[in-house]
Amino acid sequence: MPPAKKRARSYDSARTRAAVLAQLAAVREAVRGLTPEQLALPTRLGDRTVRELVTHIGTAVTAVHRALAVPAPAKRTVTVVEWPFSAAARSAGIAGVATGPAAEHPDLDGYLADVERGLRELLAEHPGTRLLDSGAGVLPLDDYLVTRLVELVVHTDDLNAALPGLDVPYDRQALAAATRLLADALAVKAPGGSTEVRVPPFAVVQCVEGTRHTRGTPPNVVETDPLTWVRLATGRTDWRDAVARADVSASGERADLSALLPLMS
């Protein structure tokens, strides 16, 4: 008998919306005190500076604004868990959108305040079921907001990496949603039940072809923390380096996920 199809994960609309606003507010609060010298520092994103990274964070949110500014598509074409796999194809276009605002908005606090204000207005106006084109396919608004949480968490981590000691906090719901979506994406990329991937306290998925585990301790187990998982899934951290640092524990012959990562970059 074939294994039962895994039920798609659902996300609470109110919590998702609150988390987007909370994570954006955390970035805005941290950026408010940065000096011109800090804003000119490099990041781990190629030749992008801190200022350009902050602008990109705003652009990731205003993608909602742009998508809602056009008529709603007729029908949904993708699920939210498919969104991470299109990141590489979209990256060049996203980078191009971000360069304009970086030059046009020297007042980053004012820019992010406008982004937040516009988002609040749109969320009050549109129901979560409103369809929009995400660039990776047509999704409901509330599902698209989950993808914005991934962007916000990933780029908050980029900001913290560029400015040690800044310590922009991660909203718990934002980190949970990003962790769960990327864990589910792994299960879609490598369907199966031979390996259990644990990212406490937010996610557990089974993946990789092989004998399906049903009871007791699985023969192949991977465990890590949420931020390390997000970094692995987005190419910020190398699998072998993470294992060597003991940021990841991996036991069993099918516990090596290096060939499956990153999921998006």
C-alpha atoms as a PDB file:
ATOM      1  CA  MET A   1       0.000   0.000   0.000  1.00  0.00           C
ATOM      2  CA  PRO A   2       1.460   3.442  -0.943  1.00  0.00           C
ATOM      3  CA  PRO A   3       2.047   5.903   1.898  1.00  0.00           C
ATOM      4  CA  ALA A   4      -0.713   8.364   2.613  1.00  0.00           C
ATOM      5  CA  LYS A   5      -0.264  11.763   1.036  1.00  0.00           C
ATOM      6  CA  LYS A   6       0.886  14.339   3.570  1.00  0.00           C
ATOM      7  CA  ARG A   7      -1.713  16.967   4.333  1.00  0.00           C
ATOM      8  CA  ALA A   8      -0.607  20.465   3.353  1.00  0.00           C
ATOM      9  CA  ARG A   9       0.301  22.636   6.317  1.00  0.00           C
ATOM     10  CA  SER A  10      -1.946  25.597   7.036  1.00  0.00           C
ATOM     11  CA  TYR A  11      -0.911  28.918   8.562  1.00  0.00           C
ATOM     12  CA  ASP A  12      -3.008  31.080  10.846  1.00  0.00           C
ATOM     13  CA  SER A  13      -3.937  34.252   8.972  1.00  0.00           C
ATOM     14  CA  ALA A  14      -3.950  36.638  11.935  1.00  0.00           C
ATOM     15  CA  ARG A  15      -0.630  35.362  13.258  1.00  0.00           C
ATOM     16  CA  THR A  16       0.994  35.524   9.859  1.00  0.00           C
ATOM     17  CA  ARG A  17      -0.094  39.103   9.292  1.00  0.00           C
ATOM     18  CA  ALA A  18       1.020  40.155  12.762  1.00  0.00           C
ATOM     19  CA  ALA A  19       4.389  38.456  12.282  1.00  0.00           C
ATOM     20  CA  VAL A  20       5.107  40.250   8.998  1.00  0.00           C
ATOM     21  CA  LEU A  21       4.459  43.595  10.653  1.00  0.00           C
ATOM     22  CA  ALA A  22       6.428  42.651  13.783  1.00  0.00           C
ATOM     23  CA  GLN A  23       9.515  41.511  11.867  1.00  0.00           C
ATOM     24  CA  LEU A  24       9.451  44.570   9.653  1.00  0.00           C
ATOM     25  CA  ALA A  25       9.154  46.771  12.758  1.00  0.00           C
ATOM     26  CA  ALA A  26      12.143  45.007  14.349  1.00  0.00           C
ATOM     27  CA  VAL A  27      14.272  45.754  11.287  1.00  0.00           C
ATOM     28  CA  ARG A  28      13.112  49.364  11.207  1.00  0.00           C
ATOM     29  CA  GLU A  29      13.960  49.852  14.894  1.00  0.00           C
ATOM     30  CA  ALA A  30      17.463  48.458  14.406  1.00  0.00           C
ATOM     31  CA  VAL A  31      18.158  50.413  11.230  1.00  0.00           C
ATOM     32  CA  ARG A  32      17.103  53.707  12.793  1.00  0.00           C
ATOM     33  CA  GLY A  33      20.363  53.910  14.766  1.00  0.00           C
ATOM     34  CA  LEU A  34      22.812  52.913  12.033  1.00  0.00           C
ATOM     35  CA  THR A  35      25.522  55.349  10.988  1.00  0.00           C
ATOM     36  CA  PRO A  36      26.428  56.167   7.369  1.00  0.00           C
ATOM     37  CA  GLU A  37      29.604  54.143   7.866  1.00  0.00           C
ATOM     38  CA  GLN A  38      27.612  51.096   8.985  1.00  0.00           C
ATOM     39  CA  LEU A  39      25.188  51.457   6.097  1.00  0.00           C
ATOM     40  CA  ALA A  40      28.128  51.418   3.673  1.00  0.00           C
ATOM     41  CA  LEU A  41      29.526  48.124   5.007  1.00  0.00           C
ATOM     42  CA  PRO A  42      29.460  45.012   2.803  1.00  0.00           C
ATOM     43  CA  THR A  43      27.130  42.075   3.361  1.00  0.00           C
ATOM     44  CA  ARG A  44      27.400  38.398   2.471  1.00  0.00           C
ATOM     45  CA  LEU A  45      25.117  39.073  -0.517  1.00  0.00           C
ATOM     46  CA  GLY A  46      27.732  39.715  -3.177  1.00  0.00           C
ATOM     47  CA  ASP A  47      28.424  43.420  -3.624  1.00  0.00           C
ATOM     48  CA  ARG A  48      25.281  44.557  -1.798  1.00  0.00           C
ATOM     49  CA  THR A  49      25.878  47.015   1.057  1.00  0.00           C
ATOM     50  CA  VAL A  50      23.947  47.179   4.312  1.00  0.00           C
ATOM     51  CA  ARG A  51      21.937  50.097   2.912  1.00  0.00           C
ATOM     52  CA  GLU A  52      21.035  48.056  -0.166  1.00  0.00           C
ATOM     53  CA  LEU A  53      20.161  45.065   2.004  1.00  0.00           C
ATOM     54  CA  VAL A  54      17.777  47.169   4.094  1.00  0.00           C
ATOM     55  CA  THR A  55      16.193  48.520   0.931  1.00  0.00           C
ATOM     56  CA  HIS A  56      15.838  44.973  -0.343  1.00  0.00           C
ATOM     57  CA  ILE A  57      13.993  44.034   2.851  1.00  0.00           C
ATOM     58  CA  GLY A  58      11.553  46.840   2.155  1.00  0.00           C
ATOM     59  CA  THR A  59      11.236  45.693  -1.449  1.00  0.00           C
ATOM     60  CA  ALA A  60      10.434  42.156  -0.311  1.00  0.00           C
ATOM     61  CA  VAL A  61       7.456  43.581   1.567  1.00  0.00           C
ATOM     62  CA  THR A  62       6.331  46.004  -1.150  1.00  0.00           C
ATOM     63  CA  ALA A  63       6.117  42.995  -3.455  1.00  0.00           C
ATOM     64  CA  VAL A  64       2.735  42.618  -1.764  1.00  0.00           C
ATOM     65  CA  HIS A  65       1.833  46.155  -2.768  1.00  0.00           C
ATOM     66  CA  ARG A  66       2.848  45.573  -6.385  1.00  0.00           C
ATOM     67  CA  ALA A  67       1.012  42.266  -6.638  1.00  0.00           C
ATOM     68  CA  LEU A  68      -2.212  43.727  -5.268  1.00  0.00           C
ATOM     69  CA  ALA A  69      -2.057  46.746  -7.583  1.00  0.00           C
ATOM     70  CA  VAL A  70      -3.156  44.647 -10.570  1.00  0.00           C
ATOM     71  CA  PRO A  71      -6.402  42.739 -11.106  1.00  0.00           C
ATOM     72  CA  ALA A  72      -6.679  39.373  -9.357  1.00  0.00           C
ATOM     73  CA  PRO A  73      -5.790  36.337 -11.481  1.00  0.00           C
ATOM     74  CA  ALA A  74      -8.551  33.879 -12.265  1.00  0.00           C
ATOM     75  CA  LYS A  75      -7.256  30.865 -10.358  1.00  0.00           C
ATOM     76  CA  ARG A  76      -4.528  29.571  -8.093  1.00  0.00           C
ATOM     77  CA  THR A  77      -1.652  27.838  -9.899  1.00  0.00           C
ATOM     78  CA  VAL A  78       0.841  26.851  -7.145  1.00  0.00           C
ATOM     79  CA  THR A  79       0.954  25.928  -3.480  1.00  0.00           C
ATOM     80  CA  VAL A  80       2.995  27.902  -0.981  1.00  0.00           C
ATOM     81  CA  VAL A  81       5.472  25.043  -0.488  1.00  0.00           C
ATOM     82  CA  GLU A  82       6.450  25.287  -4.162  1.00  0.00           C
ATOM     83  CA  TRP A  83       7.492  28.918  -3.820  1.00  0.00           C
ATOM     84  CA  PRO A  84      11.082  28.336  -2.540  1.00  0.00           C
ATOM     85  CA  PHE A  85      12.089  26.447  -5.682  1.00  0.00           C
ATOM     86  CA  SER A  86      11.603  29.491  -7.910  1.00  0.00           C
ATOM     87  CA  ALA A  87      13.874  31.803  -5.910  1.00  0.00           C
ATOM     88  CA  ALA A  88      16.916  31.481  -8.186  1.00  0.00           C
ATOM     89  CA  ALA A  89      14.892  32.324 -11.292  1.00  0.00           C
ATOM     90  CA  ARG A  90      13.453  35.436  -9.615  1.00  0.00           C
ATOM     91  CA  SER A  91      16.657  36.728  -8.000  1.00  0.00           C
ATOM     92  CA  ALA A  92      17.922  38.857 -10.896  1.00  0.00           C
ATOM     93  CA  GLY A  93      14.615  40.673 -11.287  1.00  0.00           C
ATOM     94  CA  ILE A  94      14.278  41.241  -7.555  1.00  0.00           C
ATOM     95  CA  ALA A  95      17.789  42.703  -7.370  1.00  0.00           C
ATOM     96  CA  GLY A  96      16.920  45.130 -10.156  1.00  0.00           C
ATOM     97  CA  VAL A  97      13.828  46.364  -8.324  1.00  0.00           C
ATOM     98  CA  ALA A  98      15.870  46.932  -5.159  1.00  0.00           C
ATOM     99  CA  THR A  99      18.556  49.158  -6.654  1.00  0.00           C
ATOM    100  CA  GLY A 100      16.155  52.012  -7.432  1.00  0.00           C
ATOM    101  CA  PRO A 101      14.772  52.580  -3.917  1.00  0.00           C
ATOM    102  CA  ALA A 102      18.276  52.434  -2.412  1.00  0.00           C
ATOM    103  CA  ALA A 103      19.177  55.591  -4.303  1.00  0.00           C
ATOM    104  CA  GLU A 104      15.752  57.204  -4.060  1.00  0.00           C
ATOM    105  CA  HIS A 105      15.266  56.858  -0.292  1.00  0.00           C
ATOM    106  CA  PRO A 106      18.246  58.088   1.720  1.00  0.00           C
ATOM    107  CA  ASP A 107      15.982  58.209   4.795  1.00  0.00           C
ATOM    108  CA  LEU A 108      15.647  54.484   5.436  1.00  0.00           C
ATOM    109  CA  ASP A 109      13.510  54.939   8.533  1.00  0.00           C
ATOM    110  CA  GLY A 110      11.031  57.000   6.541  1.00  0.00           C
ATOM    111  CA  TYR A 111      11.130  54.484   3.707  1.00  0.00           C
ATOM    112  CA  LEU A 112      10.376  51.540   5.993  1.00  0.00           C
ATOM    113  CA  ALA A 113       7.671  53.543   7.763  1.00  0.00           C
ATOM    114  CA  ASP A 114       5.976  54.110   4.392  1.00  0.00           C
ATOM    115  CA  VAL A 115       6.320  50.399   3.579  1.00  0.00           C
ATOM    116  CA  GLU A 116       4.700  49.446   6.883  1.00  0.00           C
ATOM    117  CA  ARG A 117       1.909  51.999   6.530  1.00  0.00           C
ATOM    118  CA  GLY A 118       1.095  50.824   3.030  1.00  0.00           C
ATOM    119  CA  LEU A 119       1.073  47.203   4.094  1.00  0.00           C
ATOM    120  CA  ARG A 120      -1.304  47.858   6.990  1.00  0.00           C
ATOM    121  CA  GLU A 121      -3.702  49.601   4.619  1.00  0.00           C
ATOM    122  CA  LEU A 122      -3.589  46.759   2.118  1.00  0.00           C
ATOM    123  CA  LEU A 123      -4.128  44.095   4.768  1.00  0.00           C
ATOM    124  CA  ALA A 124      -7.161  45.982   6.045  1.00  0.00           C
ATOM    125  CA  GLU A 125      -8.545  46.224   2.520  1.00  0.00           C
ATOM    126  CA  HIS A 126      -7.945  42.728   1.136  1.00  0.00           C
ATOM    127  CA  PRO A 127      -9.084  39.330   2.448  1.00  0.00           C
ATOM    128  CA  GLY A 128      -6.570  36.530   2.775  1.00  0.00           C
ATOM    129  CA  THR A 129      -8.241  34.629  -0.048  1.00  0.00           C
ATOM    130  CA  ARG A 130      -7.520  37.369  -2.593  1.00  0.00           C
ATOM    131  CA  LEU A 131      -5.402  35.811  -5.358  1.00  0.00           C
ATOM    132  CA  LEU A 132      -2.212  37.471  -6.585  1.00  0.00           C
ATOM    133  CA  ASP A 133       0.675  36.633  -8.872  1.00  0.00           C
ATOM    134  CA  SER A 134       3.743  35.933  -6.738  1.00  0.00           C
ATOM    135  CA  GLY A 135       6.134  35.676  -9.661  1.00  0.00           C
ATOM    136  CA  ALA A 136       6.326  31.974  -8.873  1.00  0.00           C
ATOM    137  CA  GLY A 137       2.654  31.427  -9.634  1.00  0.00           C
ATOM    138  CA  VAL A 138      -0.720  32.518  -8.326  1.00  0.00           C
ATOM    139  CA  LEU A 139      -1.305  32.246  -4.569  1.00  0.00           C
ATOM    140  CA  PRO A 140      -3.826  33.581  -2.047  1.00  0.00           C
ATOM    141  CA  LEU A 141      -2.646  36.667  -0.191  1.00  0.00           C
ATOM    142  CA  ASP A 142      -2.278  34.891   3.157  1.00  0.00           C
ATOM    143  CA  ASP A 143      -0.037  32.216   1.622  1.00  0.00           C
ATOM    144  CA  TYR A 144       2.042  34.891  -0.075  1.00  0.00           C
ATOM    145  CA  LEU A 145       2.519  36.585   3.293  1.00  0.00           C
ATOM    146  CA  VAL A 146       4.106  33.351   4.558  1.00  0.00           C
ATOM    147  CA  THR A 147       6.718  33.710   1.803  1.00  0.00           C
ATOM    148  CA  ARG A 148       7.318  37.285   2.967  1.00  0.00           C
ATOM    149  CA  LEU A 149       8.123  35.885   6.412  1.00  0.00           C
ATOM    150  CA  VAL A 150      10.801  33.691   4.851  1.00  0.00           C
ATOM    151  CA  GLU A 151      12.280  36.746   3.115  1.00  0.00           C
ATOM    152  CA  LEU A 152      12.149  38.831   6.282  1.00  0.00           C
ATOM    153  CA  VAL A 153      13.767  36.164   8.486  1.00  0.00           C
ATOM    154  CA  VAL A 154      16.488  35.348   5.950  1.00  0.00           C
ATOM    155  CA  HIS A 155      17.416  38.970   5.386  1.00  0.00           C
ATOM    156  CA  THR A 156      17.230  39.852   9.074  1.00  0.00           C
ATOM    157  CA  ASP A 157      19.851  37.141   9.508  1.00  0.00           C
ATOM    158  CA  ASP A 158      21.892  38.682   6.672  1.00  0.00           C
ATOM    159  CA  LEU A 159      21.701  42.034   8.459  1.00  0.00           C
ATOM    160  CA  ASN A 160      22.837  40.534  11.760  1.00  0.00           C
ATOM    161  CA  ALA A 161      25.717  38.789   9.995  1.00  0.00           C
ATOM    162  CA  ALA A 162      26.843  42.061   8.409  1.00  0.00           C
ATOM    163  CA  LEU A 163      26.709  43.978  11.699  1.00  0.00           C
ATOM    164  CA  PRO A 164      27.765  41.737  14.605  1.00  0.00           C
ATOM    165  CA  GLY A 165      26.247  43.029  17.802  1.00  0.00           C
ATOM    166  CA  LEU A 166      23.207  44.562  16.094  1.00  0.00           C
ATOM    167  CA  ASP A 167      21.113  41.558  17.110  1.00  0.00           C
ATOM    168  CA  VAL A 168      17.864  42.364  15.348  1.00  0.00           C
ATOM    169  CA  PRO A 169      15.345  40.071  17.094  1.00  0.00           C
ATOM    170  CA  TYR A 170      13.320  37.426  15.271  1.00  0.00           C
ATOM    171  CA  ASP A 171       9.595  37.390  15.832  1.00  0.00           C
ATOM    172  CA  ARG A 172       8.754  33.880  17.055  1.00  0.00           C
ATOM    173  CA  GLN A 173       5.892  33.370  14.608  1.00  0.00           C
ATOM    174  CA  ALA A 174       8.019  34.668  11.722  1.00  0.00           C
ATOM    175  CA  LEU A 175      10.825  32.246  12.530  1.00  0.00           C
ATOM    176  CA  ALA A 176       8.362  29.390  12.997  1.00  0.00           C
ATOM    177  CA  ALA A 177       6.687  29.966   9.642  1.00  0.00           C
ATOM    178  CA  ALA A 178      10.002  30.273   7.784  1.00  0.00           C
ATOM    179  CA  THR A 179      11.294  27.092   9.419  1.00  0.00           C
ATOM    180  CA  ARG A 180       8.150  25.111   8.638  1.00  0.00           C
ATOM    181  CA  LEU A 181       7.845  26.223   5.031  1.00  0.00           C
ATOM    182  CA  LEU A 182      11.475  25.366   4.276  1.00  0.00           C
ATOM    183  CA  ALA A 183      11.205  22.027   6.078  1.00  0.00           C
ATOM    184  CA  ASP A 184       8.097  21.158   4.089  1.00  0.00           C
ATOM    185  CA  ALA A 185       9.900  22.173   0.905  1.00  0.00           C
ATOM    186  CA  LEU A 186      12.616  19.624   1.686  1.00  0.00           C
ATOM    187  CA  ALA A 187       9.965  16.922   2.021  1.00  0.00           C
ATOM    188  CA  VAL A 188       8.571  17.927  -1.372  1.00  0.00           C
ATOM    189  CA  LYS A 189      12.011  17.922  -3.003  1.00  0.00           C
ATOM    190  CA  ALA A 190      12.974  14.545  -1.530  1.00  0.00           C
ATOM    191  CA  PRO A 191       9.732  12.655  -0.829  1.00  0.00           C
ATOM    192  CA  GLY A 192       9.987   9.569   1.309  1.00  0.00           C
ATOM    193  CA  GLY A 193      10.033   8.391   4.879  1.00  0.00           C
ATOM    194  CA  SER A 194      13.499   7.034   5.594  1.00  0.00           C
ATOM    195  CA  THR A 195      14.905  10.178   7.214  1.00  0.00           C
ATOM    196  CA  GLU A 196      13.409  12.355   9.925  1.00  0.00           C
ATOM    197  CA  VAL A 197      14.464  16.005  10.002  1.00  0.00           C
ATOM    198  CA  ARG A 198      13.814  17.713  13.314  1.00  0.00           C
ATOM    199  CA  VAL A 199      13.982  21.476  13.813  1.00  0.00           C
ATOM    200  CA  PRO A 200      12.693  21.957  17.354  1.00  0.00           C
ATOM    201  CA  PRO A 201      10.491  23.511  18.462  1.00  0.00           C
ATOM    202  CA  PHE A 202       8.886  24.268  15.094  1.00  0.00           C
ATOM    203  CA  ALA A 203       9.087  21.426  12.588  1.00  0.00           C
ATOM    204  CA  VAL A 204       9.520  17.697  12.020  1.00  0.00           C
ATOM    205  CA  VAL A 205       9.346  16.195   8.530  1.00  0.00           C
ATOM    206  CA  GLN A 206      10.100  12.850   6.989  1.00  0.00           C
ATOM    207  CA  CYS A 207      11.839  12.715   3.642  1.00  0.00           C
ATOM    208  CA  VAL A 208      14.231  10.749   1.362  1.00  0.00           C
ATOM    209  CA  GLU A 209      13.278   7.524  -0.377  1.00  0.00           C
ATOM    210  CA  GLY A 210      13.807   4.295   1.520  1.00  0.00           C
ATOM    211  CA  THR A 211      12.200   2.189   4.196  1.00  0.00           C
ATOM    212  CA  ARG A 212       9.505   4.202   5.915  1.00  0.00           C
ATOM    213  CA  HIS A 213       9.882   4.555   9.670  1.00  0.00           C
ATOM    214  CA  THR A 214       6.732   3.782  11.676  1.00  0.00           C
ATOM    215  CA  ARG A 215       7.662   3.466  15.359  1.00  0.00           C
ATOM    216  CA  GLY A 216      10.545   3.877  17.780  1.00  0.00           C
ATOM    217  CA  THR A 217      13.690   5.878  17.026  1.00  0.00           C
ATOM    218  CA  PRO A 218      14.122   6.449  13.267  1.00  0.00           C
ATOM    219  CA  PRO A 219      17.287   4.933  11.750  1.00  0.00           C
ATOM    220  CA  ASN A 220      18.183   8.228  10.042  1.00  0.00           C
ATOM    221  CA  VAL A 221      17.793  11.468  11.996  1.00  0.00           C
ATOM    222  CA  VAL A 222      18.867  15.035  11.326  1.00  0.00           C
ATOM    223  CA  GLU A 223      18.406  17.680  14.008  1.00  0.00           C
ATOM    224  CA  THR A 224      19.288  21.347  14.096  1.00  0.00           C
ATOM    225  CA  ASP A 225      18.018  24.689  15.363  1.00  0.00           C
ATOM    226  CA  PRO A 226      15.695  26.982  13.367  1.00  0.00           C
ATOM    227  CA  LEU A 227      18.247  29.599  12.294  1.00  0.00           C
ATOM    228  CA  THR A 228      20.781  26.984  11.210  1.00  0.00           C
ATOM    229  CA  TRP A 229      18.044  25.264   9.200  1.00  0.00           C
ATOM    230  CA  VAL A 230      17.064  28.530   7.507  1.00  0.00           C
ATOM    231  CA  ARG A 231      20.721  29.165   6.674  1.00  0.00           C
ATOM    232  CA  LEU A 232      21.167  25.670   5.265  1.00  0.00           C
ATOM    233  CA  ALA A 233      17.995  25.882   3.206  1.00  0.00           C
ATOM    234  CA  THR A 234      18.975  29.239   1.700  1.00  0.00           C
ATOM    235  CA  GLY A 235      22.668  28.583   1.091  1.00  0.00           C
ATOM    236  CA  ARG A 236      23.978  30.797   3.875  1.00  0.00           C
ATOM    237  CA  THR A 237      25.604  27.818   5.600  1.00  0.00           C
ATOM    238  CA  ASP A 238      27.297  24.774   4.068  1.00  0.00           C
ATOM    239  CA  TRP A 239      26.058  21.367   5.236  1.00  0.00           C
ATOM    240  CA  ARG A 240      29.494  19.930   5.959  1.00  0.00           C
ATOM    241  CA  ASP A 241      30.599  23.037   7.832  1.00  0.00           C
ATOM    242  CA  ALA A 242      27.456  22.975   9.951  1.00  0.00           C
ATOM    243  CA  VAL A 243      27.973  19.304  10.812  1.00  0.00           C
ATOM    244  CA  ALA A 244      31.642  19.934  11.643  1.00  0.00           C
ATOM    245  CA  ARG A 245      30.654  22.763  14.007  1.00  0.00           C
ATOM    246  CA  ALA A 246      28.025  20.506  15.604  1.00  0.00           C
ATOM    247  CA  ASP A 247      25.295  22.939  14.550  1.00  0.00           C
ATOM    248  CA  VAL A 248      23.691  19.892  12.924  1.00  0.00           C
ATOM    249  CA  SER A 249      23.543  16.343  14.253  1.00  0.00           C
ATOM    250  CA  ALA A 250      23.094  13.684  11.563  1.00  0.00           C
ATOM    251  CA  SER A 251      22.940   9.955  12.250  1.00  0.00           C
ATOM    252  CA  GLY A 252      22.296   7.122   9.793  1.00  0.00           C
ATOM    253  CA  GLU A 253      23.374   6.322   6.257  1.00  0.00           C
ATOM    254  CA  ARG A 254      20.596   8.446   4.736  1.00  0.00           C
ATOM    255  CA  ALA A 255      21.108  11.454   7.002  1.00  0.00           C
ATOM    256  CA  ASP A 256      23.473  13.350   4.686  1.00  0.00           C
ATOM    257  CA  LEU A 257      21.369  16.133   3.124  1.00  0.00           C
ATOM    258  CA  SER A 258      24.247  17.880   1.338  1.00  0.00           C
ATOM    259  CA  ALA A 259      23.003  16.868  -2.122  1.00  0.00           C
ATOM    260  CA  LEU A 260      19.568  18.352  -1.398  1.00  0.00           C
ATOM    261  CA  LEU A 261      20.657  21.735  -0.088  1.00  0.00           C
ATOM    262  CA  PRO A 262      20.222  24.597  -0.524  1.00  0.00           C
ATOM    263  CA  LEU A 263      16.531  24.604  -1.374  1.00  0.00           C
ATOM    264  CA  MET A 264      16.642  28.255  -2.441  1.00  0.00           C
ATOM    265  CA  SER A 265      19.484  30.692  -2.961  1.00  0.00           C
END
